[in-house]
Amino acid sequence: FKQKTAYEIYQCDWSSDVCSSDLTEFGGDDLIHEKDVIKDISTKGDLTYYYSDDTEIKFGYEYKNLDISYRSWFGEDEQFRLIQKPNYLGLYTQVNWRPQRWVIAAGLRLNYYDIQREKYHLAPRLSVKRLLGEWSALTVSINRYYQFIYSINDEFSMRVINSWVAQDSTINTSYANELLSGFSTKLPYAIDLSIEVYYKQLYNLYVFRNDIVSFDMEILEPKASDFFDKTDAEAAGYEILLRRDMGKINGMLSYTHSWVIKQIANEPRYWANWDRRHNMKLVLNWRLNKKWDFGTTFNWYTRLPY
């Protein structure tokens, strides 16, 4: 039985793993200030039961107590202050079954989020893999995901920073359906090849309302619906990955071709500001001896619309 408990405080305006500042300012003398503080108390645990040689059952839980404060003010005038204190609980179970040349994983996750109208959400997941010979396999999976904390997207101007807020009872839950199919095999020189094709439907994503940048008064008892408009999106693409983990020279080469298109209400559909058509990444490592390793990374991509 694995148990993990953590108390973390983030003071972030940047969507990075390490946040060093909780305040961002723009505009010279007449400053725009934004402050986003997240306090996160979390605990989670996982348990695996080995039912037989080809069957295992996994159980787990995750609990979060969150305290989120997002403020913005212009000069001396506070534009808005959004205070949220949600609780989240996730329970899951998954069965992994390996009959002969098949690998089947079926799971179900129950999410509980206490500050929404619909507090309970079920997320089923299914993955089926067919082994082809000793080194090759075909995989198909279908998944449902829910998200209760989201980063703010501003479709009307480029944001240098990302701020994070939680959903409440005035807006609907963000969720996505994903269909994925893949093929993997081993090539000569210990090179692994995988090809994946995916399609996603994303619902209830949120962006700043167009008029949010113009108001200059404090909103009393603000709600998430006061600031955000709902959007839906579709994403699709494929990825080709070559990877070598053994030997003095190793690394990976990947290429992704993808599309992301969004829509706000009945407005025309448009390319999302995180749509990127081509993305190629090359990582090379050279192990000189037991003490010295050298590495280099090259990334090439196109089309990041704004």
Protein backbone atom coordinates (compact mmCIF):
# COMPACT_ATOMS: atom_id res chain seq x y z
CA PHE A 1 0.00 0.00 0.00
CA LYS A 2 1.41 3.35 -1.06
CA GLN A 3 0.36 6.50 0.74
CA LYS A 4 1.37 10.07 -0.04
CA THR A 5 0.40 13.26 1.75
CA ALA A 6 1.61 16.70 0.73
CA TYR A 7 1.12 20.34 1.67
CA GLU A 8 2.05 22.69 -1.13
CA ILE A 9 1.67 26.44 -1.58
CA TYR A 10 2.04 27.87 -5.07
CA GLN A 11 2.29 31.58 -5.73
CA CYS A 12 2.32 31.57 -9.47
CA ASP A 13 1.73 33.66 -12.51
CA TRP A 14 3.79 31.32 -14.67
CA SER A 15 2.59 27.87 -15.77
CA SER A 16 5.93 26.26 -14.95
CA ASP A 17 6.99 23.60 -12.49
CA VAL A 18 8.85 26.14 -10.37
CA CYS A 19 7.21 29.46 -9.55
CA SER A 20 9.28 32.22 -8.03
CA SER A 21 6.92 35.21 -8.17
CA ASP A 22 3.30 35.79 -7.29
CA LEU A 23 2.91 39.24 -8.81
CA THR A 24 3.10 40.47 -12.40
CA GLU A 25 3.02 44.11 -13.53
CA PHE A 26 2.63 45.72 -16.97
CA GLY A 27 2.08 49.23 -18.25
CA GLY A 28 4.65 51.62 -16.77
CA ASP A 29 3.19 54.17 -14.33
CA ASP A 30 -0.40 52.98 -14.79
CA LEU A 31 0.23 49.38 -13.89
CA ILE A 32 -1.87 46.30 -14.49
CA HIS A 33 -1.38 43.93 -11.56
CA GLU A 34 -2.34 40.27 -11.42
CA LYS A 35 -1.88 38.00 -8.43
CA ASP A 36 -2.73 34.30 -8.43
CA VAL A 37 -2.21 32.24 -5.24
CA ILE A 38 -3.04 28.53 -4.92
CA LYS A 39 -2.81 26.63 -1.63
CA ASP A 40 -3.05 22.88 -2.13
CA ILE A 41 -3.29 20.25 0.62
CA SER A 42 -3.28 16.79 -1.00
CA THR A 43 -3.22 13.14 -0.03
CA LYS A 44 -3.42 10.05 -2.25
CA GLY A 45 -2.90 6.31 -2.07
CA ASP A 46 -2.74 3.30 -4.42
CA LEU A 47 -3.24 -0.45 -3.87
CA THR A 48 -2.60 -3.33 -6.31
CA TYR A 49 -4.14 -6.79 -5.82
CA TYR A 50 -2.57 -9.61 -7.89
CA TYR A 51 -5.57 -11.83 -8.50
CA SER A 52 -3.76 -14.34 -10.77
CA ASP A 53 -0.76 -14.59 -13.07
CA ASP A 54 -2.58 -12.72 -15.83
CA THR A 55 -4.94 -10.47 -13.82
CA GLU A 56 -4.31 -7.57 -11.45
CA ILE A 57 -6.71 -5.10 -9.90
CA LYS A 58 -5.72 -1.57 -8.90
CA PHE A 59 -7.52 0.77 -6.47
CA GLY A 60 -6.71 4.29 -5.45
CA TYR A 61 -7.88 7.64 -4.18
CA GLU A 62 -6.83 11.30 -4.27
CA TYR A 63 -8.10 14.16 -2.09
CA LYS A 64 -7.38 17.87 -2.48
CA ASN A 65 -8.30 20.81 -0.29
CA LEU A 66 -7.75 23.98 -2.35
CA ASP A 67 -7.69 27.69 -1.57
CA ILE A 68 -7.44 29.83 -4.72
CA SER A 69 -7.22 33.63 -4.85
CA TYR A 70 -7.04 35.44 -8.19
CA ARG A 71 -6.94 39.26 -8.18
CA SER A 72 -6.44 41.93 -10.82
CA TRP A 73 -6.21 45.69 -10.44
CA PHE A 74 -5.35 48.65 -12.66
CA GLY A 75 -3.57 51.54 -10.98
CA GLU A 76 -5.49 52.10 -7.73
CA ASP A 77 -8.71 50.44 -8.95
CA GLU A 78 -9.33 46.75 -8.29
CA GLN A 79 -10.87 45.11 -11.35
CA PHE A 80 -11.91 41.85 -9.74
CA ARG A 81 -11.17 39.43 -6.93
CA LEU A 82 -12.11 35.76 -7.30
CA ILE A 83 -11.86 33.66 -4.11
CA GLN A 84 -12.55 29.90 -4.32
CA LYS A 85 -12.20 27.09 -1.74
CA PRO A 86 -13.15 23.79 -3.39
CA ASN A 87 -12.64 20.21 -2.20
CA TYR A 88 -11.90 17.41 -4.65
CA LEU A 89 -12.03 13.62 -4.17
CA GLY A 90 -11.17 11.03 -6.80
CA LEU A 91 -11.68 7.26 -6.47
CA TYR A 92 -10.57 4.82 -9.16
CA THR A 93 -10.32 1.14 -9.96
CA GLN A 94 -8.64 -0.57 -12.92
CA VAL A 95 -8.41 -4.19 -14.05
CA ASN A 96 -5.43 -5.30 -16.13
CA TRP A 97 -6.00 -8.63 -17.88
CA ARG A 98 -3.46 -10.41 -20.12
CA PRO A 99 -5.06 -13.40 -21.86
CA GLN A 100 -2.55 -14.99 -24.27
CA ARG A 101 -1.58 -12.32 -26.85
CA TRP A 102 -3.88 -9.59 -25.51
CA VAL A 103 -3.44 -6.86 -22.89
CA ILE A 104 -6.75 -5.33 -21.75
CA ALA A 105 -7.02 -2.49 -19.21
CA ALA A 106 -10.50 -1.34 -18.13
CA GLY A 107 -10.91 1.39 -15.53
CA LEU A 108 -13.44 3.69 -13.92
CA ARG A 109 -12.82 6.91 -11.98
CA LEU A 110 -15.37 8.68 -9.78
CA ASN A 111 -14.75 12.42 -9.27
CA TYR A 112 -16.39 14.47 -6.53
CA TYR A 113 -16.11 18.27 -6.63
CA ASP A 114 -18.10 20.11 -3.99
CA ILE A 115 -18.69 23.61 -5.40
CA GLN A 116 -20.53 22.66 -8.60
CA ARG A 117 -24.16 21.88 -9.37
CA GLU A 118 -23.19 18.40 -10.60
CA LYS A 119 -20.83 17.20 -7.92
CA TYR A 120 -20.23 13.63 -9.18
CA HIS A 121 -18.67 12.63 -12.50
CA LEU A 122 -17.81 9.17 -13.85
CA ALA A 123 -14.80 8.80 -16.18
CA PRO A 124 -14.53 5.37 -17.91
CA ARG A 125 -11.35 4.26 -19.66
CA LEU A 126 -10.56 1.26 -21.86
CA SER A 127 -7.34 0.18 -23.57
CA VAL A 128 -6.88 -2.93 -25.73
CA LYS A 129 -3.49 -4.08 -26.99
CA ARG A 130 -2.90 -6.94 -29.45
CA LEU A 131 0.60 -8.42 -29.49
CA LEU A 132 1.89 -9.16 -33.00
CA GLY A 133 4.82 -11.51 -32.74
CA GLU A 134 7.59 -10.95 -30.21
CA TRP A 135 8.25 -7.22 -30.72
CA SER A 136 5.18 -5.59 -32.29
CA ALA A 137 1.77 -4.52 -30.97
CA LEU A 138 -1.41 -2.68 -31.96
CA THR A 139 -3.24 -0.54 -29.39
CA VAL A 140 -6.66 1.13 -29.28
CA SER A 141 -7.92 3.15 -26.32
CA ILE A 142 -10.90 5.35 -25.49
CA ASN A 143 -10.93 7.64 -22.46
CA ARG A 144 -13.00 10.30 -20.69
CA TYR A 145 -11.20 13.01 -18.66
CA TYR A 146 -12.53 15.76 -16.36
CA GLN A 147 -10.73 18.93 -15.25
CA PHE A 148 -11.82 21.18 -12.40
CA ILE A 149 -8.92 23.67 -12.33
CA TYR A 150 -7.98 25.40 -15.56
CA SER A 151 -5.61 28.03 -16.89
CA ILE A 152 -7.11 31.25 -18.22
CA ASN A 153 -7.05 31.67 -21.98
CA ASP A 154 -7.33 35.17 -23.40
CA GLU A 155 -8.37 34.95 -27.05
CA PHE A 156 -8.24 38.72 -27.56
CA SER A 157 -4.63 39.43 -26.64
CA MET A 158 -1.48 37.40 -26.11
CA ARG A 159 -0.84 36.54 -22.45
CA VAL A 160 2.74 36.36 -21.27
CA ILE A 161 1.62 34.56 -18.13
CA ASN A 162 -0.92 31.87 -17.28
CA SER A 163 -3.23 32.22 -14.28
CA TRP A 164 -5.19 29.36 -12.74
CA VAL A 165 -8.72 29.35 -11.33
CA ALA A 166 -11.26 26.70 -10.30
CA GLN A 167 -14.71 25.99 -11.63
CA ASP A 168 -17.76 26.80 -9.51
CA SER A 169 -21.52 26.27 -9.61
CA THR A 170 -22.04 28.98 -12.26
CA ILE A 171 -20.19 27.18 -15.08
CA ASN A 172 -20.13 23.63 -16.41
CA THR A 173 -17.36 21.09 -15.90
CA SER A 174 -14.60 20.86 -18.49
CA TYR A 175 -14.21 17.40 -19.98
CA ALA A 176 -12.69 15.61 -22.96
CA ASN A 177 -13.27 12.42 -24.92
CA GLU A 178 -10.19 10.85 -26.47
CA LEU A 179 -9.80 8.10 -29.06
CA LEU A 180 -6.28 6.83 -29.69
CA SER A 181 -4.81 4.12 -31.90
CA GLY A 182 -1.15 3.11 -32.05
CA PHE A 183 1.39 0.70 -33.48
CA SER A 184 4.77 -0.12 -31.93
CA THR A 185 7.66 -2.36 -32.96
CA LYS A 186 11.42 -2.84 -32.62
CA LEU A 187 13.83 -2.01 -35.43
CA PRO A 188 17.49 -3.01 -35.88
CA TYR A 189 20.10 -1.38 -33.61
CA ALA A 190 17.71 -1.55 -30.62
CA ILE A 191 15.50 1.26 -31.98
CA ASP A 192 11.86 1.41 -30.85
CA LEU A 193 9.30 2.74 -33.34
CA SER A 194 5.83 3.90 -32.35
CA ILE A 195 3.10 5.57 -34.41
CA GLU A 196 0.01 7.03 -32.74
CA VAL A 197 -3.11 8.67 -34.18
CA TYR A 198 -5.53 10.52 -31.89
CA TYR A 199 -8.76 12.49 -31.93
CA LYS A 200 -10.12 14.56 -29.01
CA GLN A 201 -13.36 16.37 -28.33
CA LEU A 202 -13.03 19.06 -25.63
CA TYR A 203 -16.05 20.66 -23.99
CA ASN A 204 -16.59 23.58 -21.63
CA LEU A 205 -13.21 25.23 -22.01
CA TYR A 206 -13.21 28.83 -20.77
CA VAL A 207 -11.77 32.10 -22.10
CA PHE A 208 -11.98 35.68 -20.85
CA ARG A 209 -15.10 37.50 -21.95
CA ASN A 210 -14.40 40.13 -24.58
CA ASP A 211 -15.69 42.93 -22.34
CA ILE A 212 -13.68 41.86 -19.29
CA VAL A 213 -10.79 44.11 -20.32
CA SER A 214 -12.94 47.23 -20.34
CA PHE A 215 -14.68 47.31 -16.96
CA ASP A 216 -13.05 49.30 -14.19
CA MET A 217 -15.24 48.60 -11.16
CA GLU A 218 -15.13 45.89 -8.54
CA ILE A 219 -17.69 43.11 -8.97
CA LEU A 220 -19.45 42.29 -5.70
CA GLU A 221 -19.48 38.58 -4.84
CA PRO A 222 -17.92 37.61 -8.18
CA LYS A 223 -18.47 34.22 -9.84
CA ALA A 224 -16.58 32.42 -12.59
CA SER A 225 -19.41 33.11 -15.05
CA ASP A 226 -18.81 36.88 -14.60
CA PHE A 227 -15.42 36.57 -16.26
CA PHE A 228 -15.45 33.66 -18.71
CA ASP A 229 -17.17 32.48 -21.89
CA LYS A 230 -17.51 28.79 -22.71
CA THR A 231 -15.75 27.30 -25.73
CA ASP A 232 -15.60 23.84 -27.28
CA ALA A 233 -12.72 22.40 -29.28
CA GLU A 234 -11.56 19.52 -31.42
CA ALA A 235 -8.00 18.22 -31.62
CA ALA A 236 -6.52 15.61 -33.92
CA GLY A 237 -3.13 14.48 -35.11
CA TYR A 238 -0.52 11.79 -35.30
CA GLU A 239 2.95 11.27 -33.85
CA ILE A 240 5.91 9.22 -35.08
CA LEU A 241 8.55 8.39 -32.48
CA LEU A 242 11.95 6.71 -32.91
CA ARG A 243 13.75 5.97 -29.64
CA ARG A 244 16.99 4.25 -28.64
CA ASP A 245 17.78 3.82 -24.94
CA MET A 246 20.81 1.51 -25.16
CA GLY A 247 24.35 1.96 -26.36
CA LYS A 248 26.89 4.76 -26.26
CA ILE A 249 24.80 6.81 -28.68
CA ASN A 250 21.10 7.01 -27.82
CA GLY A 251 18.21 9.43 -27.94
CA MET A 252 14.94 10.03 -29.75
CA LEU A 253 13.42 11.64 -32.83
CA SER A 254 9.74 12.59 -32.86
CA TYR A 255 7.46 14.32 -35.33
CA THR A 256 3.90 15.46 -34.57
CA HIS A 257 1.35 16.77 -37.07
CA SER A 258 -1.72 18.17 -35.31
CA TRP A 259 -4.77 20.45 -35.51
CA VAL A 260 -6.76 22.26 -32.79
CA ILE A 261 -9.91 24.20 -33.66
CA LYS A 262 -12.24 26.04 -31.24
CA GLN A 263 -15.61 27.75 -31.20
CA ILE A 264 -17.15 30.32 -28.83
CA ALA A 265 -20.96 29.96 -28.72
CA ASN A 266 -22.30 30.49 -32.27
CA GLU A 267 -19.28 32.44 -33.49
CA PRO A 268 -17.22 31.10 -36.44
CA ARG A 269 -14.78 28.31 -35.70
CA TYR A 270 -11.11 29.34 -35.48
CA TRP A 271 -7.63 27.93 -34.88
CA ALA A 272 -6.87 27.87 -31.14
CA ASN A 273 -3.97 29.94 -29.85
CA TRP A 274 -2.25 26.66 -28.88
CA ASP A 275 -2.70 25.05 -32.31
CA ARG A 276 0.66 24.01 -33.72
CA ARG A 277 0.78 22.33 -37.11
CA HIS A 278 4.24 20.73 -37.17
CA ASN A 279 6.54 19.85 -34.27
CA MET A 280 9.79 17.91 -34.60
CA LYS A 281 12.16 17.15 -31.74
CA LEU A 282 15.59 15.52 -31.82
CA VAL A 283 17.49 14.44 -28.69
CA LEU A 284 20.98 12.94 -28.96
CA ASN A 285 23.09 11.61 -26.07
CA TRP A 286 26.67 10.33 -26.18
CA ARG A 287 27.98 8.31 -23.25
CA LEU A 288 31.74 8.87 -23.35
CA ASN A 289 32.50 6.75 -20.28
CA LYS A 290 31.12 6.02 -16.81
CA LYS A 291 31.72 9.62 -15.69
CA TRP A 292 30.91 11.73 -18.73
CA ASP A 293 27.75 12.12 -20.82
CA PHE A 294 27.10 14.71 -23.53
CA GLY A 295 23.71 15.63 -24.96
CA THR A 296 22.00 18.01 -27.34
CA THR A 297 18.39 18.85 -28.17
CA PHE A 298 16.94 20.37 -31.35
CA ASN A 299 13.29 21.48 -31.63
CA TRP A 300 11.61 22.74 -34.81
CA TYR A 301 7.97 23.75 -35.10
CA THR A 302 5.64 25.94 -37.15
CA ARG A 303 2.39 27.82 -36.90
CA LEU A 304 1.58 29.11 -33.45
CA PRO A 305 -1.35 31.45 -34.17
CA TYR A 306 -2.31 34.47 -32.08
